[in-house]
């Protein structure tokens, strides 16, 4: 995890690093869901962070 974080700091913009940190914190703190609405909302928020991060990372990779 630390190696990946170091690579992000070296290669990516601050916004992308912030998204990666937020995503990692959320994933590490997420508990297994038993189908309750609050857990589903947490899952949707985590998925949204993942989508935002991958979108931002793809944009950075595509930049000349």
N, C-alpha and C. Protein backbone atom coordinates (compact mmCIF):
# COMPACT_ATOMS: atom_id res chain seq x y z
N UNK A 1 0.82 -1.18 0.00
CA UNK A 1 0.00 0.00 0.00
C UNK A 1 0.87 1.25 0.00
N UNK A 2 1.93 1.23 0.81
CA UNK A 2 2.80 2.40 0.89
C UNK A 2 3.52 2.63 -0.43
N UNK A 3 3.93 1.58 -1.11
CA UNK A 3 4.59 1.74 -2.41
C UNK A 3 3.65 2.36 -3.43
N UNK A 4 2.40 1.92 -3.42
CA UNK A 4 1.41 2.48 -4.35
C UNK A 4 1.18 3.95 -4.04
N UNK A 5 1.09 4.29 -2.77
CA UNK A 5 0.90 5.69 -2.38
C UNK A 5 2.08 6.54 -2.83
N UNK A 6 3.29 6.03 -2.65
CA UNK A 6 4.47 6.76 -3.08
C UNK A 6 4.46 7.00 -4.58
N UNK A 7 4.07 5.98 -5.34
CA UNK A 7 4.00 6.13 -6.80
C UNK A 7 2.96 7.17 -7.18
N UNK A 8 1.82 7.17 -6.51
CA UNK A 8 0.79 8.17 -6.80
C UNK A 8 1.29 9.58 -6.54
N UNK A 9 1.99 9.77 -5.42
CA UNK A 9 2.53 11.10 -5.11
C UNK A 9 3.52 11.57 -6.17
N UNK A 10 4.28 10.64 -6.72
CA UNK A 10 5.28 11.00 -7.73
C UNK A 10 4.66 11.24 -9.10
N UNK A 11 3.62 10.48 -9.44
CA UNK A 11 3.12 10.48 -10.81
C UNK A 11 1.81 11.24 -11.03
N UNK A 12 1.07 11.52 -9.99
CA UNK A 12 -0.28 12.04 -10.17
C UNK A 12 -0.47 13.42 -9.54
N UNK A 13 -1.52 14.07 -9.99
CA UNK A 13 -1.89 15.36 -9.44
C UNK A 13 -2.44 15.18 -8.03
N UNK A 14 -2.43 16.26 -7.27
CA UNK A 14 -2.89 16.22 -5.88
C UNK A 14 -4.34 15.73 -5.76
N UNK A 15 -5.19 16.13 -6.70
CA UNK A 15 -6.59 15.70 -6.66
C UNK A 15 -6.72 14.18 -6.76
N UNK A 16 -5.92 13.57 -7.61
CA UNK A 16 -5.95 12.13 -7.78
C UNK A 16 -5.44 11.43 -6.53
N UNK A 17 -4.39 11.96 -5.93
CA UNK A 17 -3.85 11.40 -4.70
C UNK A 17 -4.89 11.49 -3.59
N UNK A 18 -5.58 12.63 -3.50
CA UNK A 18 -6.62 12.79 -2.48
C UNK A 18 -7.75 11.78 -2.67
N UNK A 19 -8.16 11.56 -3.92
CA UNK A 19 -9.20 10.56 -4.20
C UNK A 19 -8.73 9.17 -3.80
N UNK A 20 -7.49 8.85 -4.11
CA UNK A 20 -6.95 7.53 -3.75
C UNK A 20 -6.92 7.35 -2.23
N UNK A 21 -6.51 8.39 -1.51
CA UNK A 21 -6.50 8.31 -0.05
C UNK A 21 -7.90 8.13 0.51
N UNK A 22 -8.85 8.88 -0.01
CA UNK A 22 -10.25 8.76 0.45
C UNK A 22 -10.79 7.37 0.17
N UNK A 23 -10.48 6.85 -1.00
CA UNK A 23 -10.94 5.52 -1.36
C UNK A 23 -10.32 4.46 -0.45
N UNK A 24 -9.04 4.56 -0.21
CA UNK A 24 -8.37 3.59 0.66
C UNK A 24 -8.93 3.63 2.08
N UNK A 25 -9.14 4.83 2.62
CA UNK A 25 -9.71 4.95 3.96
C UNK A 25 -11.10 4.32 4.02
N UNK A 26 -11.90 4.57 3.00
CA UNK A 26 -13.27 4.05 3.00
C UNK A 26 -13.26 2.53 2.89
N UNK A 27 -12.43 1.98 2.02
CA UNK A 27 -12.39 0.52 1.83
C UNK A 27 -11.92 -0.15 3.12
N UNK A 28 -10.92 0.40 3.78
CA UNK A 28 -10.42 -0.21 5.01
C UNK A 28 -11.43 -0.15 6.14
N UNK A 29 -12.31 0.85 6.13
CA UNK A 29 -13.27 0.99 7.22
C UNK A 29 -14.64 0.38 6.92
N UNK A 30 -14.85 -0.08 5.69
CA UNK A 30 -16.14 -0.64 5.31
C UNK A 30 -16.33 -2.03 5.91
N UNK A 31 -17.48 -2.23 6.50
CA UNK A 31 -17.81 -3.53 7.08
C UNK A 31 -18.66 -4.33 6.11
N UNK A 32 -18.64 -5.66 6.22
CA UNK A 32 -19.49 -6.47 5.34
C UNK A 32 -20.96 -6.08 5.49
N UNK A 33 -21.68 -6.12 4.40
CA UNK A 33 -23.08 -5.72 4.40
C UNK A 33 -23.99 -6.91 4.61
N UNK A 34 -25.03 -6.69 5.40
CA UNK A 34 -26.04 -7.72 5.54
C UNK A 34 -27.33 -7.27 4.85
N UNK A 35 -27.19 -6.32 3.93
CA UNK A 35 -28.32 -5.89 3.12
C UNK A 35 -29.08 -4.70 3.67
N UNK A 36 -28.66 -4.16 4.80
CA UNK A 36 -29.37 -3.03 5.36
C UNK A 36 -29.15 -1.80 4.49
N UNK A 37 -30.10 -0.89 4.53
CA UNK A 37 -30.04 0.31 3.70
C UNK A 37 -28.80 1.16 3.97
N UNK A 38 -28.38 1.27 5.23
CA UNK A 38 -27.21 2.09 5.53
C UNK A 38 -25.95 1.48 4.92
N UNK A 39 -25.87 0.17 4.91
CA UNK A 39 -24.71 -0.49 4.31
C UNK A 39 -24.73 -0.33 2.79
N UNK A 40 -25.90 -0.38 2.21
CA UNK A 40 -26.00 -0.18 0.76
C UNK A 40 -25.57 1.23 0.39
N UNK A 41 -25.95 2.20 1.19
CA UNK A 41 -25.55 3.59 0.94
C UNK A 41 -24.03 3.72 1.04
N UNK A 42 -23.44 3.06 2.04
CA UNK A 42 -21.99 3.09 2.19
C UNK A 42 -21.31 2.44 0.98
N UNK A 43 -21.87 1.35 0.51
CA UNK A 43 -21.33 0.68 -0.68
C UNK A 43 -21.40 1.61 -1.89
N UNK A 44 -22.53 2.29 -2.07
CA UNK A 44 -22.67 3.21 -3.21
C UNK A 44 -21.66 4.35 -3.13
N UNK A 45 -21.43 4.87 -1.93
CA UNK A 45 -20.44 5.94 -1.77
C UNK A 45 -19.04 5.44 -2.09
N UNK A 46 -18.73 4.23 -1.66
CA UNK A 46 -17.42 3.65 -1.95
C UNK A 46 -17.26 3.43 -3.45
N UNK A 47 -18.28 2.92 -4.08
CA UNK A 47 -18.24 2.70 -5.52
C UNK A 47 -18.10 4.02 -6.27
N UNK A 48 -18.77 5.06 -5.80
CA UNK A 48 -18.65 6.38 -6.42
C UNK A 48 -17.22 6.90 -6.31
N UNK A 49 -16.59 6.72 -5.15
CA UNK A 49 -15.20 7.13 -4.99
C UNK A 49 -14.29 6.37 -5.96
N UNK A 50 -14.52 5.08 -6.09
CA UNK A 50 -13.72 4.27 -7.01
C UNK A 50 -13.89 4.75 -8.45
N UNK A 51 -15.10 5.04 -8.84
CA UNK A 51 -15.35 5.54 -10.20
C UNK A 51 -14.67 6.88 -10.44
N UNK A 52 -14.79 7.78 -9.45
CA UNK A 52 -14.15 9.10 -9.59
C UNK A 52 -12.64 8.97 -9.68
N UNK A 53 -12.06 8.09 -8.86
CA UNK A 53 -10.62 7.89 -8.88
C UNK A 53 -10.16 7.32 -10.22
N UNK A 54 -10.82 6.28 -10.70
CA UNK A 54 -10.39 5.68 -11.96
C UNK A 54 -10.58 6.65 -13.13
N UNK A 55 -11.64 7.43 -13.10
CA UNK A 55 -11.86 8.43 -14.15
C UNK A 55 -10.73 9.47 -14.14
N UNK A 56 -10.40 9.97 -12.96
CA UNK A 56 -9.33 10.97 -12.83
C UNK A 56 -7.99 10.39 -13.26
N UNK A 57 -7.72 9.17 -12.85
CA UNK A 57 -6.46 8.53 -13.20
C UNK A 57 -6.36 8.31 -14.70
N UNK A 58 -7.44 7.87 -15.32
CA UNK A 58 -7.43 7.69 -16.78
C UNK A 58 -7.18 9.00 -17.50
N UNK A 59 -7.77 10.08 -17.02
CA UNK A 59 -7.54 11.39 -17.64
C UNK A 59 -6.06 11.78 -17.54
N UNK A 60 -5.47 11.53 -16.40
CA UNK A 60 -4.05 11.88 -16.22
C UNK A 60 -3.15 11.03 -17.11
N UNK A 61 -3.46 9.76 -17.22
CA UNK A 61 -2.65 8.86 -18.04
C UNK A 61 -2.73 9.27 -19.50
N UNK A 62 -3.88 9.74 -19.94
CA UNK A 62 -4.08 10.10 -21.34
C UNK A 62 -3.46 11.44 -21.70
N UNK A 63 -3.12 12.25 -20.72
CA UNK A 63 -2.52 13.57 -21.00
C UNK A 63 -1.14 13.41 -21.60
N UNK A 64 -0.87 14.25 -22.60
CA UNK A 64 0.49 14.20 -23.19
C UNK A 64 1.53 14.82 -22.30
